[in-house]
């Protein structure tokens, strides 16, 4: 059975998914996002950015990252192409690390894919930068972004930040905590 997109904004589209038994599921769909763990494993530290988030009206500590596609139309074209989303996500992860953190990432490894839920389709791909160096040019932020970089935190400090709510992007905080515990 075919899906029907019945409403579309800039970030989300609303989709009806008819079921064989006559029921119709509704899903809000958004293009996937990426986050990058940039770690100094020798010193047990991770680079976090400090970003002012309008939805929180506050600063939040985060992993560098962003949207894999800038528009829903780009996302739809990619889905229709049959190409592997992982390749696009890897490329975007490298780009976001350079833009937000001022770090040139040569190679990434997928750590996990976080799936939001049954009624909202918004996957986040979390990568570890396995080969990287700091850029001589620093950050290259997009207009309107308010992000401070070059903030390295120890694994234990990050664990406290996750638990006390200093990292408010909870899906990513949990994925980062799991990664730290695996080190």
Protein backbone atom coordinates (compact mmCIF):
# COMPACT_ATOMS: atom_id res chain seq x y z
CA UNK A 1 0.00 0.00 0.00
CA UNK A 2 1.25 3.45 -0.87
CA UNK A 3 1.87 6.24 1.57
CA UNK A 4 0.24 9.63 1.14
CA UNK A 5 1.99 12.85 2.06
CA UNK A 6 -0.87 15.12 3.10
CA UNK A 7 1.01 18.08 4.58
CA UNK A 8 4.52 19.37 4.08
CA UNK A 9 6.47 22.13 5.79
CA UNK A 10 10.13 23.08 5.62
CA UNK A 11 11.31 20.49 8.15
CA UNK A 12 8.50 17.95 8.50
CA UNK A 13 6.00 16.20 6.30
CA UNK A 14 2.91 14.39 7.54
CA UNK A 15 2.39 10.98 6.04
CA UNK A 16 -0.57 8.58 6.10
CA UNK A 17 0.36 4.92 5.85
CA UNK A 18 -2.65 2.69 4.98
CA UNK A 19 -2.51 -0.76 6.59
CA UNK A 20 -3.81 -4.03 5.08
CA UNK A 21 -6.50 -4.23 7.77
CA UNK A 22 -7.93 -0.81 6.86
CA UNK A 23 -6.30 1.21 9.62
CA UNK A 24 -4.21 4.26 8.71
CA UNK A 25 -1.05 5.16 10.60
CA UNK A 26 0.16 8.74 10.61
CA UNK A 27 3.81 9.67 10.81
CA UNK A 28 5.65 12.99 10.96
CA UNK A 29 8.83 12.57 8.90
CA UNK A 30 11.98 14.67 9.00
CA UNK A 31 15.27 14.25 7.19
CA UNK A 32 17.84 12.43 9.33
CA UNK A 33 20.56 14.12 11.31
CA UNK A 34 24.15 13.35 12.24
CA UNK A 35 26.38 13.84 15.28
CA UNK A 36 30.12 13.24 15.57
CA UNK A 37 32.11 12.05 18.57
CA UNK A 38 35.56 13.65 18.29
CA UNK A 39 37.68 12.07 21.00
CA UNK A 40 41.18 12.38 22.38
CA UNK A 41 41.28 8.81 23.64
CA UNK A 42 44.79 9.11 25.08
CA UNK A 43 43.56 11.78 27.48
CA UNK A 44 40.00 10.40 27.77
CA UNK A 45 38.36 13.58 26.51
CA UNK A 46 35.62 14.43 24.01
CA UNK A 47 35.10 17.67 22.13
CA UNK A 48 31.70 19.21 22.79
CA UNK A 49 30.28 22.37 21.34
CA UNK A 50 28.30 24.88 23.36
CA UNK A 51 25.36 26.06 21.29
CA UNK A 52 22.61 28.57 21.99
CA UNK A 53 19.34 26.80 21.21
CA UNK A 54 16.27 28.91 20.54
CA UNK A 55 13.88 26.12 21.53
CA UNK A 56 15.53 25.98 24.97
CA UNK A 57 16.26 29.70 25.24
CA UNK A 58 19.54 28.55 26.74
CA UNK A 59 23.00 27.20 26.01
CA UNK A 60 23.40 23.45 25.56
CA UNK A 61 26.46 21.21 25.29
CA UNK A 62 26.32 19.02 22.19
CA UNK A 63 28.23 16.87 19.79
CA UNK A 64 28.89 18.65 16.50
CA UNK A 65 26.26 17.78 13.93
CA UNK A 66 23.29 18.79 11.87
CA UNK A 67 20.84 17.70 9.18
CA UNK A 68 21.93 15.26 6.47
CA UNK A 69 19.79 17.15 3.92
CA UNK A 70 18.88 20.83 4.05
CA UNK A 71 15.38 20.34 2.63
CA UNK A 72 12.70 17.69 2.53
CA UNK A 73 12.90 17.77 -1.27
CA UNK A 74 16.60 16.82 -1.14
CA UNK A 75 15.77 14.02 1.29
CA UNK A 76 12.93 12.73 -0.93
CA UNK A 77 15.19 12.79 -4.00
CA UNK A 78 17.80 10.78 -2.12
CA UNK A 79 15.22 8.26 -0.91
CA UNK A 80 13.96 7.85 -4.48
CA UNK A 81 17.50 7.36 -5.82
CA UNK A 82 17.99 4.11 -3.90
CA UNK A 83 21.43 5.26 -2.75
CA UNK A 84 22.61 4.26 0.73
CA UNK A 85 21.76 6.98 3.25
CA UNK A 86 24.87 6.06 5.23
CA UNK A 87 27.17 7.55 2.58
CA UNK A 88 25.33 10.87 2.67
CA UNK A 89 25.34 10.80 6.49
CA UNK A 90 29.10 10.17 6.64
CA UNK A 91 29.80 13.05 4.27
CA UNK A 92 27.55 15.38 6.26
CA UNK A 93 29.15 14.32 9.57
CA UNK A 94 32.56 15.31 8.23
CA UNK A 95 31.20 18.63 6.98
CA UNK A 96 29.47 19.44 10.28
CA UNK A 97 32.65 18.67 12.25
CA UNK A 98 34.55 21.20 10.14
CA UNK A 99 31.78 23.78 10.26
CA UNK A 100 30.82 23.64 13.94
CA UNK A 101 33.98 22.38 15.65
CA UNK A 102 36.78 23.49 13.34
CA UNK A 103 37.96 19.89 12.99
CA UNK A 104 38.89 18.18 9.72
CA UNK A 105 37.64 14.59 9.87
CA UNK A 106 39.22 12.16 7.43
CA UNK A 107 37.35 9.03 8.54
CA UNK A 108 34.29 8.17 10.60
CA UNK A 109 32.78 4.97 11.95
CA UNK A 110 29.07 4.55 12.61
CA UNK A 111 28.48 4.05 16.33
CA UNK A 112 24.69 3.82 16.30
CA UNK A 113 21.55 4.94 14.55
CA UNK A 114 19.01 6.41 16.96
CA UNK A 115 15.42 5.97 15.77
CA UNK A 116 12.97 8.36 17.39
CA UNK A 117 9.74 6.38 17.48
CA UNK A 118 6.61 5.06 15.84
CA UNK A 119 4.85 8.34 15.09
CA UNK A 120 7.86 10.54 14.32
CA UNK A 121 10.43 9.35 11.80
CA UNK A 122 13.66 11.23 12.55
CA UNK A 123 16.78 9.12 12.64
CA UNK A 124 20.08 10.37 14.01
CA UNK A 125 23.33 8.79 12.88
CA UNK A 126 26.07 9.01 15.51
CA UNK A 127 29.62 8.58 14.27
CA UNK A 128 33.04 8.45 15.88
CA UNK A 129 35.77 10.40 14.09
CA UNK A 130 38.53 7.81 13.77
CA UNK A 131 41.01 10.07 11.95
CA UNK A 132 40.95 13.85 12.45
CA UNK A 133 42.95 17.01 13.07
CA UNK A 134 42.15 20.56 14.04
CA UNK A 135 41.61 22.95 11.14
CA UNK A 136 43.97 25.90 10.83
CA UNK A 137 40.94 27.95 9.76
CA UNK A 138 38.78 27.13 12.80
CA UNK A 139 34.99 27.09 12.58
CA UNK A 140 32.97 28.01 9.49
CA UNK A 141 29.54 28.60 11.00
CA UNK A 142 26.40 29.16 8.96
CA UNK A 143 24.61 32.48 9.32
CA UNK A 144 22.61 32.51 12.54
CA UNK A 145 24.54 29.74 14.30
CA UNK A 146 25.85 30.63 17.75
CA UNK A 147 28.27 27.83 18.62
CA UNK A 148 31.41 27.84 20.74
CA UNK A 149 33.91 25.08 20.00
CA UNK A 150 37.20 23.86 21.44
CA UNK A 151 35.69 22.67 24.71
CA UNK A 152 37.21 19.35 25.75
CA UNK A 153 35.61 17.41 28.58
CA UNK A 154 36.84 14.30 30.39
CA UNK A 155 34.76 11.13 30.20
CA UNK A 156 33.75 11.37 33.88
CA UNK A 157 32.79 15.03 33.48
CA UNK A 158 30.61 14.18 30.49
CA UNK A 159 28.92 11.41 32.44
CA UNK A 160 28.00 13.97 35.12
CA UNK A 161 26.77 16.42 32.46
CA UNK A 162 24.52 13.75 30.94
CA UNK A 163 23.05 12.85 34.31
CA UNK A 164 22.57 16.43 35.56
CA UNK A 165 20.91 17.61 32.34
CA UNK A 166 23.72 19.88 31.10
CA UNK A 167 23.41 17.98 27.82
CA UNK A 168 19.75 18.41 26.91
CA UNK A 169 19.72 16.55 23.59
CA UNK A 170 18.89 13.34 25.42
CA UNK A 171 19.10 10.84 22.55
CA UNK A 172 22.61 11.99 21.82
CA UNK A 173 23.56 12.21 25.50
CA UNK A 174 22.59 8.57 25.97
CA UNK A 175 24.49 7.45 22.87
CA UNK A 176 27.57 9.36 24.05
CA UNK A 177 27.31 7.84 27.53
CA UNK A 178 27.11 4.35 26.04
CA UNK A 179 30.15 5.11 23.87
CA UNK A 180 32.14 6.35 26.89
CA UNK A 181 31.23 3.26 28.92
CA UNK A 182 32.52 1.11 26.03
CA UNK A 183 35.94 2.75 26.05
